[in-house]
Amino acid sequence: MPLLEVSDVRAHYGSIEALKGVSLTVEPGEVVTLIGANGAGKSTTLRSISGLTPATSGRIVFEDHEITRVPAHEMPARGIALAPEGRHCFPRMTVRENLDLGAYRRRGQEVAADLERVFDLFPRLQERENQKAGTMSGGEQQMLAIGRALMARPRLLMLDEPSMGIAPILVQRIYETIGEINRSGVAILLVEQNANYALDISRRGYVLETGRVALANDSAELRDDPDVQRAYLGT
């Protein structure tokens, strides 16, 4: 049984239909990527799963429970966490305060253990624990956004454009860490403009075009597809 199953989901921004029947699955412990041009519906798909842009029709099932109408603030307790596009750290709060917000629904010793895990994954966050988030670089804020999502102890981590606006050396480090997170058993649904990074780390992928799934296959097969190469891999 899939960990996540999205079936024929449609979503709107006002009168504009952003998703036109998207269907996808994520199996336990795997990395799945969504690639496509700007405006294809990749971020909206993540937002619909997380309840931020509720589906207007279709069905979303997580761990055999329907979550189509579950509000966004309840998703972390269900086991789903999102590191959004643009990071959206709280700039006037410290690194530690941002991380604490990721665990706002949780109590007990596990929270301290998860904080240590985040610091192990991102040592730079521990170095800047008392620094205001708004004074950090884009790459450091991306680490913080991922770390904040991990503080919810998700079983599905959704990452929206983790490489956007980040120096290449930090992108490499962030993707190494994403691999470590996945090897710990966390399933990952990844939206990424850099299709090379996305297909390298994922097992399967979906190509979205104008709100629809145009192609779905193993990542290796997508990488070898001439249309995907031409449109998204720069070859």
C-alpha atoms as a PDB file:
ATOM      1  CA  MET A   1       0.000   0.000   0.000  1.00  0.00           C
ATOM      2  CA  PRO A   2       1.417   3.445  -0.894  1.00  0.00           C
ATOM      3  CA  LEU A   3       2.366   5.816   1.904  1.00  0.00           C
ATOM      4  CA  LEU A   4       0.727   8.629  -0.089  1.00  0.00           C
ATOM      5  CA  GLU A   5      -1.814   8.340  -2.875  1.00  0.00           C
ATOM      6  CA  VAL A   6      -3.062  11.383  -4.765  1.00  0.00           C
ATOM      7  CA  SER A   7      -5.982  10.587  -7.085  1.00  0.00           C
ATOM      8  CA  ASP A   8      -7.324  12.944  -9.780  1.00  0.00           C
ATOM      9  CA  VAL A   9      -6.757  16.062  -7.672  1.00  0.00           C
ATOM     10  CA  ARG A  10      -7.884  19.411  -8.991  1.00  0.00           C
ATOM     11  CA  ALA A  11      -7.134  22.742  -7.323  1.00  0.00           C
ATOM     12  CA  HIS A  12      -7.969  26.355  -8.096  1.00  0.00           C
ATOM     13  CA  TYR A  13      -6.655  29.826  -7.400  1.00  0.00           C
ATOM     14  CA  GLY A  14      -9.872  31.764  -7.771  1.00  0.00           C
ATOM     15  CA  SER A  15     -11.207  30.963 -11.234  1.00  0.00           C
ATOM     16  CA  ILE A  16      -7.868  29.568 -12.443  1.00  0.00           C
ATOM     17  CA  GLU A  17      -7.567  25.786 -12.405  1.00  0.00           C
ATOM     18  CA  ALA A  18      -3.972  25.106 -11.361  1.00  0.00           C
ATOM     19  CA  LEU A  19      -4.252  21.307 -11.075  1.00  0.00           C
ATOM     20  CA  LYS A  20      -6.296  19.438 -13.648  1.00  0.00           C
ATOM     21  CA  GLY A  21      -6.500  15.920 -12.303  1.00  0.00           C
ATOM     22  CA  VAL A  22      -3.072  15.099 -10.842  1.00  0.00           C
ATOM     23  CA  SER A  23      -2.492  11.526  -9.673  1.00  0.00           C
ATOM     24  CA  LEU A  24       0.691  10.201  -8.052  1.00  0.00           C
ATOM     25  CA  THR A  25       1.946   7.862  -5.355  1.00  0.00           C
ATOM     26  CA  VAL A  26       4.831   7.776  -2.896  1.00  0.00           C
ATOM     27  CA  GLU A  27       5.865   4.451  -1.410  1.00  0.00           C
ATOM     28  CA  PRO A  28       7.257   4.173   2.148  1.00  0.00           C
ATOM     29  CA  GLY A  29      10.878   5.262   2.305  1.00  0.00           C
ATOM     30  CA  GLU A  30      11.291   6.334  -1.326  1.00  0.00           C
ATOM     31  CA  VAL A  31      12.179   9.631  -2.966  1.00  0.00           C
ATOM     32  CA  VAL A  32       9.809  10.829  -5.687  1.00  0.00           C
ATOM     33  CA  THR A  33      10.381  13.993  -7.679  1.00  0.00           C
ATOM     34  CA  LEU A  34       8.125  16.356  -9.594  1.00  0.00           C
ATOM     35  CA  ILE A  35       9.750  18.200 -12.466  1.00  0.00           C
ATOM     36  CA  GLY A  36       8.316  20.642 -14.957  1.00  0.00           C
ATOM     37  CA  ALA A  37       8.393  24.227 -16.141  1.00  0.00           C
ATOM     38  CA  ASN A  38       7.358  27.213 -14.045  1.00  0.00           C
ATOM     39  CA  GLY A  39       3.589  27.230 -13.644  1.00  0.00           C
ATOM     40  CA  ALA A  40       3.241  23.492 -14.303  1.00  0.00           C
ATOM     41  CA  GLY A  41       1.574  22.895 -10.925  1.00  0.00           C
ATOM     42  CA  LYS A  42       4.453  21.375  -8.965  1.00  0.00           C
ATOM     43  CA  SER A  43       4.251  23.657  -5.929  1.00  0.00           C
ATOM     44  CA  THR A  44       0.454  23.608  -6.004  1.00  0.00           C
ATOM     45  CA  THR A  45       0.566  19.816  -5.802  1.00  0.00           C
ATOM     46  CA  LEU A  46       2.610  20.023  -2.593  1.00  0.00           C
ATOM     47  CA  ARG A  47       0.354  22.756  -1.245  1.00  0.00           C
ATOM     48  CA  SER A  48      -2.749  20.657  -1.923  1.00  0.00           C
ATOM     49  CA  ILE A  49      -1.264  17.641  -0.147  1.00  0.00           C
ATOM     50  CA  SER A  50      -0.328  19.802   2.841  1.00  0.00           C
ATOM     51  CA  GLY A  51      -3.733  21.533   2.973  1.00  0.00           C
ATOM     52  CA  LEU A  52      -2.465  25.025   2.133  1.00  0.00           C
ATOM     53  CA  THR A  53      -4.296  25.063  -1.209  1.00  0.00           C
ATOM     54  CA  PRO A  54      -7.157  22.625  -0.604  1.00  0.00           C
ATOM     55  CA  ALA A  55      -8.144  20.318  -3.445  1.00  0.00           C
ATOM     56  CA  THR A  56     -11.449  21.251  -5.041  1.00  0.00           C
ATOM     57  CA  SER A  57     -11.977  17.645  -6.139  1.00  0.00           C
ATOM     58  CA  GLY A  58     -10.156  14.336  -6.076  1.00  0.00           C
ATOM     59  CA  ARG A  59      -8.781  12.350  -3.157  1.00  0.00           C
ATOM     60  CA  ILE A  60      -5.592  12.383  -1.073  1.00  0.00           C
ATOM     61  CA  VAL A  61      -4.840   9.387   1.147  1.00  0.00           C
ATOM     62  CA  PHE A  62      -1.915   9.149   3.586  1.00  0.00           C
ATOM     63  CA  GLU A  63      -1.195   5.965   5.526  1.00  0.00           C
ATOM     64  CA  ASP A  64      -4.615   4.609   4.530  1.00  0.00           C
ATOM     65  CA  HIS A  65      -6.457   7.676   5.910  1.00  0.00           C
ATOM     66  CA  GLU A  66      -8.085  10.266   3.695  1.00  0.00           C
ATOM     67  CA  ILE A  67      -6.626  13.723   4.317  1.00  0.00           C
ATOM     68  CA  THR A  68      -8.208  15.628   1.423  1.00  0.00           C
ATOM     69  CA  ARG A  69     -10.071  18.000   3.760  1.00  0.00           C
ATOM     70  CA  VAL A  70      -7.618  18.001   6.690  1.00  0.00           C
ATOM     71  CA  PRO A  71      -6.512  21.610   7.440  1.00  0.00           C
ATOM     72  CA  ALA A  72      -2.860  22.535   7.023  1.00  0.00           C
ATOM     73  CA  HIS A  73      -2.156  23.076  10.725  1.00  0.00           C
ATOM     74  CA  GLU A  74      -3.033  19.442  11.454  1.00  0.00           C
ATOM     75  CA  MET A  75      -0.725  17.926   8.837  1.00  0.00           C
ATOM     76  CA  PRO A  76       2.479  17.811  10.940  1.00  0.00           C
ATOM     77  CA  ALA A  77       0.677  15.749  13.583  1.00  0.00           C
ATOM     78  CA  ARG A  78      -0.445  13.397  10.778  1.00  0.00           C
ATOM     79  CA  GLY A  79       3.174  12.857   9.737  1.00  0.00           C
ATOM     80  CA  ILE A  80       3.527  15.256   6.781  1.00  0.00           C
ATOM     81  CA  ALA A  81       5.882  18.255   6.817  1.00  0.00           C
ATOM     82  CA  LEU A  82       6.636  20.825   4.113  1.00  0.00           C
ATOM     83  CA  ALA A  83       9.759  22.925   3.605  1.00  0.00           C
ATOM     84  CA  PRO A  84       8.174  25.534   1.320  1.00  0.00           C
ATOM     85  CA  GLU A  85       9.481  27.337  -1.723  1.00  0.00           C
ATOM     86  CA  GLY A  86      11.250  30.498  -0.616  1.00  0.00           C
ATOM     87  CA  ARG A  87      12.024  28.946   2.806  1.00  0.00           C
ATOM     88  CA  HIS A  88       9.727  31.291   4.795  1.00  0.00           C
ATOM     89  CA  CYS A  89      11.858  31.326   7.932  1.00  0.00           C
ATOM     90  CA  PHE A  90      10.788  33.819  10.575  1.00  0.00           C
ATOM     91  CA  PRO A  91      13.504  36.455  10.079  1.00  0.00           C
ATOM     92  CA  ARG A  92      13.322  38.148  13.485  1.00  0.00           C
ATOM     93  CA  MET A  93      13.408  34.868  15.389  1.00  0.00           C
ATOM     94  CA  THR A  94      16.568  32.940  16.150  1.00  0.00           C
ATOM     95  CA  VAL A  95      17.547  29.661  14.547  1.00  0.00           C
ATOM     96  CA  ARG A  96      16.578  27.839  17.748  1.00  0.00           C
ATOM     97  CA  GLU A  97      13.193  29.577  17.927  1.00  0.00           C
ATOM     98  CA  ASN A  98      12.451  28.646  14.300  1.00  0.00           C
ATOM     99  CA  LEU A  99      13.335  25.028  15.018  1.00  0.00           C
ATOM    100  CA  ASP A 100      11.217  24.994  18.171  1.00  0.00           C
ATOM    101  CA  LEU A 101       8.242  26.131  16.072  1.00  0.00           C
ATOM    102  CA  GLY A 102       8.626  23.006  13.959  1.00  0.00           C
ATOM    103  CA  ALA A 103       7.841  20.944  17.074  1.00  0.00           C
ATOM    104  CA  TYR A 104       5.089  23.180  18.443  1.00  0.00           C
ATOM    105  CA  ARG A 105       2.590  20.294  18.640  1.00  0.00           C
ATOM    106  CA  ARG A 106       5.025  17.952  20.380  1.00  0.00           C
ATOM    107  CA  ARG A 107       6.281  17.482  23.935  1.00  0.00           C
ATOM    108  CA  GLY A 108       8.778  15.283  25.746  1.00  0.00           C
ATOM    109  CA  GLN A 109      12.342  14.091  25.443  1.00  0.00           C
ATOM    110  CA  GLU A 110      11.956  13.103  21.784  1.00  0.00           C
ATOM    111  CA  VAL A 111      11.926  16.791  20.857  1.00  0.00           C
ATOM    112  CA  ALA A 112      15.397  17.314  22.345  1.00  0.00           C
ATOM    113  CA  ALA A 113      16.636  14.209  20.524  1.00  0.00           C
ATOM    114  CA  ASP A 114      15.261  15.520  17.229  1.00  0.00           C
ATOM    115  CA  LEU A 115      16.951  18.876  17.784  1.00  0.00           C
ATOM    116  CA  GLU A 116      20.268  17.087  18.222  1.00  0.00           C
ATOM    117  CA  ARG A 117      19.582  15.143  15.033  1.00  0.00           C
ATOM    118  CA  VAL A 118      18.947  18.370  13.106  1.00  0.00           C
ATOM    119  CA  PHE A 119      22.197  19.822  14.469  1.00  0.00           C
ATOM    120  CA  ASP A 120      24.023  16.642  13.424  1.00  0.00           C
ATOM    121  CA  LEU A 121      22.625  16.954   9.911  1.00  0.00           C
ATOM    122  CA  PHE A 122      23.260  20.702   9.707  1.00  0.00           C
ATOM    123  CA  PRO A 123      26.172  21.650  12.010  1.00  0.00           C
ATOM    124  CA  ARG A 124      25.982  25.222  10.731  1.00  0.00           C
ATOM    125  CA  LEU A 125      22.589  25.618  12.402  1.00  0.00           C
ATOM    126  CA  GLN A 126      24.093  24.705  15.758  1.00  0.00           C
ATOM    127  CA  GLU A 127      26.862  27.248  15.198  1.00  0.00           C
ATOM    128  CA  ARG A 128      24.177  29.892  14.568  1.00  0.00           C
ATOM    129  CA  GLU A 129      21.649  28.691  17.123  1.00  0.00           C
ATOM    130  CA  ASN A 130      21.168  32.162  18.641  1.00  0.00           C
ATOM    131  CA  GLN A 131      21.444  34.113  15.378  1.00  0.00           C
ATOM    132  CA  LYS A 132      18.424  35.800  13.810  1.00  0.00           C
ATOM    133  CA  ALA A 133      17.283  33.793  10.810  1.00  0.00           C
ATOM    134  CA  GLY A 134      16.951  36.875   8.630  1.00  0.00           C
ATOM    135  CA  THR A 135      20.682  37.576   8.874  1.00  0.00           C
ATOM    136  CA  MET A 136      21.708  34.217   7.413  1.00  0.00           C
ATOM    137  CA  SER A 137      22.493  33.356   3.794  1.00  0.00           C
ATOM    138  CA  GLY A 138      19.944  31.733   1.503  1.00  0.00           C
ATOM    139  CA  GLY A 139      21.647  28.365   1.839  1.00  0.00           C
ATOM    140  CA  GLU A 140      21.642  28.563   5.616  1.00  0.00           C
ATOM    141  CA  GLN A 141      17.969  29.533   5.623  1.00  0.00           C
ATOM    142  CA  GLN A 142      17.242  26.524   3.413  1.00  0.00           C
ATOM    143  CA  MET A 143      18.963  24.286   5.960  1.00  0.00           C
ATOM    144  CA  LEU A 144      16.805  25.908   8.612  1.00  0.00           C
ATOM    145  CA  ALA A 145      13.593  25.355   6.638  1.00  0.00           C
ATOM    146  CA  ILE A 146      14.416  21.663   6.225  1.00  0.00           C
ATOM    147  CA  GLY A 147      15.460  21.372   9.862  1.00  0.00           C
ATOM    148  CA  ARG A 148      12.241  23.035  11.018  1.00  0.00           C
ATOM    149  CA  ALA A 149      10.212  20.528   8.970  1.00  0.00           C
ATOM    150  CA  LEU A 150      12.186  17.633  10.463  1.00  0.00           C
ATOM    151  CA  MET A 151      11.324  18.815  13.975  1.00  0.00           C
ATOM    152  CA  ALA A 152       7.798  17.542  13.309  1.00  0.00           C
ATOM    153  CA  ARG A 153       9.318  14.033  12.908  1.00  0.00           C
ATOM    154  CA  PRO A 154       7.541  13.478   9.561  1.00  0.00           C
ATOM    155  CA  ARG A 155       7.127  10.189   7.754  1.00  0.00           C
ATOM    156  CA  LEU A 156       6.739  12.195   4.540  1.00  0.00           C
ATOM    157  CA  LEU A 157       8.943  15.241   3.999  1.00  0.00           C
ATOM    158  CA  MET A 158       7.994  17.520   1.104  1.00  0.00           C
ATOM    159  CA  LEU A 159      10.696  19.818  -0.237  1.00  0.00           C
ATOM    160  CA  ASP A 160       9.828  22.660  -2.608  1.00  0.00           C
ATOM    161  CA  GLU A 161      12.782  23.965  -4.650  1.00  0.00           C
ATOM    162  CA  PRO A 162      15.555  23.348  -2.079  1.00  0.00           C
ATOM    163  CA  SER A 163      18.291  24.527  -4.493  1.00  0.00           C
ATOM    164  CA  MET A 164      16.666  27.812  -5.525  1.00  0.00           C
ATOM    165  CA  GLY A 165      18.933  30.832  -5.112  1.00  0.00           C
ATOM    166  CA  ILE A 166      21.694  28.915  -3.325  1.00  0.00           C
ATOM    167  CA  ALA A 167      25.431  28.754  -4.050  1.00  0.00           C
ATOM    168  CA  PRO A 168      26.376  25.490  -5.820  1.00  0.00           C
ATOM    169  CA  ILE A 169      28.653  24.324  -3.001  1.00  0.00           C
ATOM    170  CA  LEU A 170      25.767  24.565  -0.517  1.00  0.00           C
ATOM    171  CA  VAL A 171      23.340  22.908  -2.926  1.00  0.00           C
ATOM    172  CA  GLN A 172      25.614  19.879  -3.013  1.00  0.00           C
ATOM    173  CA  ARG A 173      25.724  19.742   0.776  1.00  0.00           C
ATOM    174  CA  ILE A 174      21.956  20.093   1.078  1.00  0.00           C
ATOM    175  CA  TYR A 175      21.395  17.248  -1.365  1.00  0.00           C
ATOM    176  CA  GLU A 176      23.840  15.049   0.504  1.00  0.00           C
ATOM    177  CA  THR A 177      21.806  15.736   3.631  1.00  0.00           C
ATOM    178  CA  ILE A 178      18.524  14.993   1.843  1.00  0.00           C
ATOM    179  CA  GLY A 179      20.016  11.608   1.004  1.00  0.00           C
ATOM    180  CA  GLU A 180      20.905  11.052   4.670  1.00  0.00           C
ATOM    181  CA  ILE A 181      17.369  11.975   5.727  1.00  0.00           C
ATOM    182  CA  ASN A 182      15.917   9.494   3.262  1.00  0.00           C
ATOM    183  CA  ARG A 183      18.260   6.722   4.392  1.00  0.00           C
ATOM    184  CA  SER A 184      16.919   7.206   7.915  1.00  0.00           C
ATOM    185  CA  GLY A 185      13.530   6.009   6.605  1.00  0.00           C
ATOM    186  CA  VAL A 186      11.774   9.292   5.767  1.00  0.00           C
ATOM    187  CA  ALA A 187       9.964   9.309   2.408  1.00  0.00           C
ATOM    188  CA  ILE A 188      10.540  12.462   0.368  1.00  0.00           C
ATOM    189  CA  LEU A 189       8.413  14.189  -2.269  1.00  0.00           C
ATOM    190  CA  LEU A 190      10.664  16.676  -4.019  1.00  0.00           C
ATOM    191  CA  VAL A 191       9.923  19.607  -6.320  1.00  0.00           C
ATOM    192  CA  GLU A 192      13.045  20.855  -8.055  1.00  0.00           C
ATOM    193  CA  GLN A 193      13.787  23.070 -11.058  1.00  0.00           C
ATOM    194  CA  ASN A 194      17.253  21.494 -11.326  1.00  0.00           C
ATOM    195  CA  ALA A 195      16.139  18.205 -12.858  1.00  0.00           C
ATOM    196  CA  ASN A 196      19.655  16.772 -12.752  1.00  0.00           C
ATOM    197  CA  TYR A 197      19.766  16.952  -8.958  1.00  0.00           C
ATOM    198  CA  ALA A 198      16.194  15.725  -8.665  1.00  0.00           C
ATOM    199  CA  LEU A 199      16.619  12.673 -10.895  1.00  0.00           C
ATOM    200  CA  ASP A 200      19.958  11.788  -9.285  1.00  0.00           C
ATOM    201  CA  ILE A 201      18.451  11.452  -5.825  1.00  0.00           C
ATOM    202  CA  SER A 202      14.986  10.086  -6.623  1.00  0.00           C
ATOM    203  CA  ARG A 203      13.775   6.605  -7.537  1.00  0.00           C
ATOM    204  CA  ARG A 204      10.767   7.740  -9.562  1.00  0.00           C
ATOM    205  CA  GLY A 205       9.584  10.951 -11.113  1.00  0.00           C
ATOM    206  CA  TYR A 206       6.563  12.697 -12.584  1.00  0.00           C
ATOM    207  CA  VAL A 207       6.722  15.365 -15.272  1.00  0.00           C
ATOM    208  CA  LEU A 208       3.996  17.978 -14.866  1.00  0.00           C
ATOM    209  CA  GLU A 209       2.771  20.181 -17.702  1.00  0.00           C
ATOM    210  CA  THR A 210       0.049  22.818 -17.222  1.00  0.00           C
ATOM    211  CA  GLY A 211      -1.479  21.124 -14.213  1.00  0.00           C
ATOM    212  CA  ARG A 212      -1.387  17.564 -15.530  1.00  0.00           C
ATOM    213  CA  VAL A 213       0.971  14.597 -15.244  1.00  0.00           C
ATOM    214  CA  ALA A 214       2.475  14.308 -18.724  1.00  0.00           C
ATOM    215  CA  LEU A 215       4.915  11.501 -17.948  1.00  0.00           C
ATOM    216  CA  ALA A 216       5.697   9.147 -15.064  1.00  0.00           C
ATOM    217  CA  ASN A 217       8.579   6.693 -14.909  1.00  0.00           C
ATOM    218  CA  ASP A 218      11.651   5.542 -13.009  1.00  0.00           C
ATOM    219  CA  SER A 219      14.150   8.384 -12.673  1.00  0.00           C
ATOM    220  CA  ALA A 220      16.743   6.583 -14.792  1.00  0.00           C
ATOM    221  CA  GLU A 221      14.213   6.165 -17.600  1.00  0.00           C
ATOM    222  CA  LEU A 222      13.208   9.815 -17.389  1.00  0.00           C
ATOM    223  CA  ARG A 223      16.849  10.865 -17.572  1.00  0.00           C
ATOM    224  CA  ASP A 224      17.246   8.869 -20.811  1.00  0.00           C
ATOM    225  CA  ASP A 225      14.014  10.192 -22.352  1.00  0.00           C
ATOM    226  CA  PRO A 226      14.909  12.528 -25.276  1.00  0.00           C
ATOM    227  CA  ASP A 227      11.989  14.872 -24.574  1.00  0.00           C
ATOM    228  CA  VAL A 228      12.945  15.188 -20.900  1.00  0.00           C
ATOM    229  CA  GLN A 229      16.590  15.735 -21.842  1.00  0.00           C
ATOM    230  CA  ARG A 230      15.674  18.465 -24.274  1.00  0.00           C
ATOM    231  CA  ALA A 231      13.153  20.239 -22.042  1.00  0.00           C
ATOM    232  CA  TYR A 232      14.661  19.900 -18.566  1.00  0.00           C
ATOM    233  CA  LEU A 233      18.234  18.563 -18.642  1.00  0.00           C
ATOM    234  CA  GLY A 234      19.785  20.990 -21.099  1.00  0.00           C
ATOM    235  CA  THR A 235      20.959  18.224 -23.459  1.00  0.00           C
END
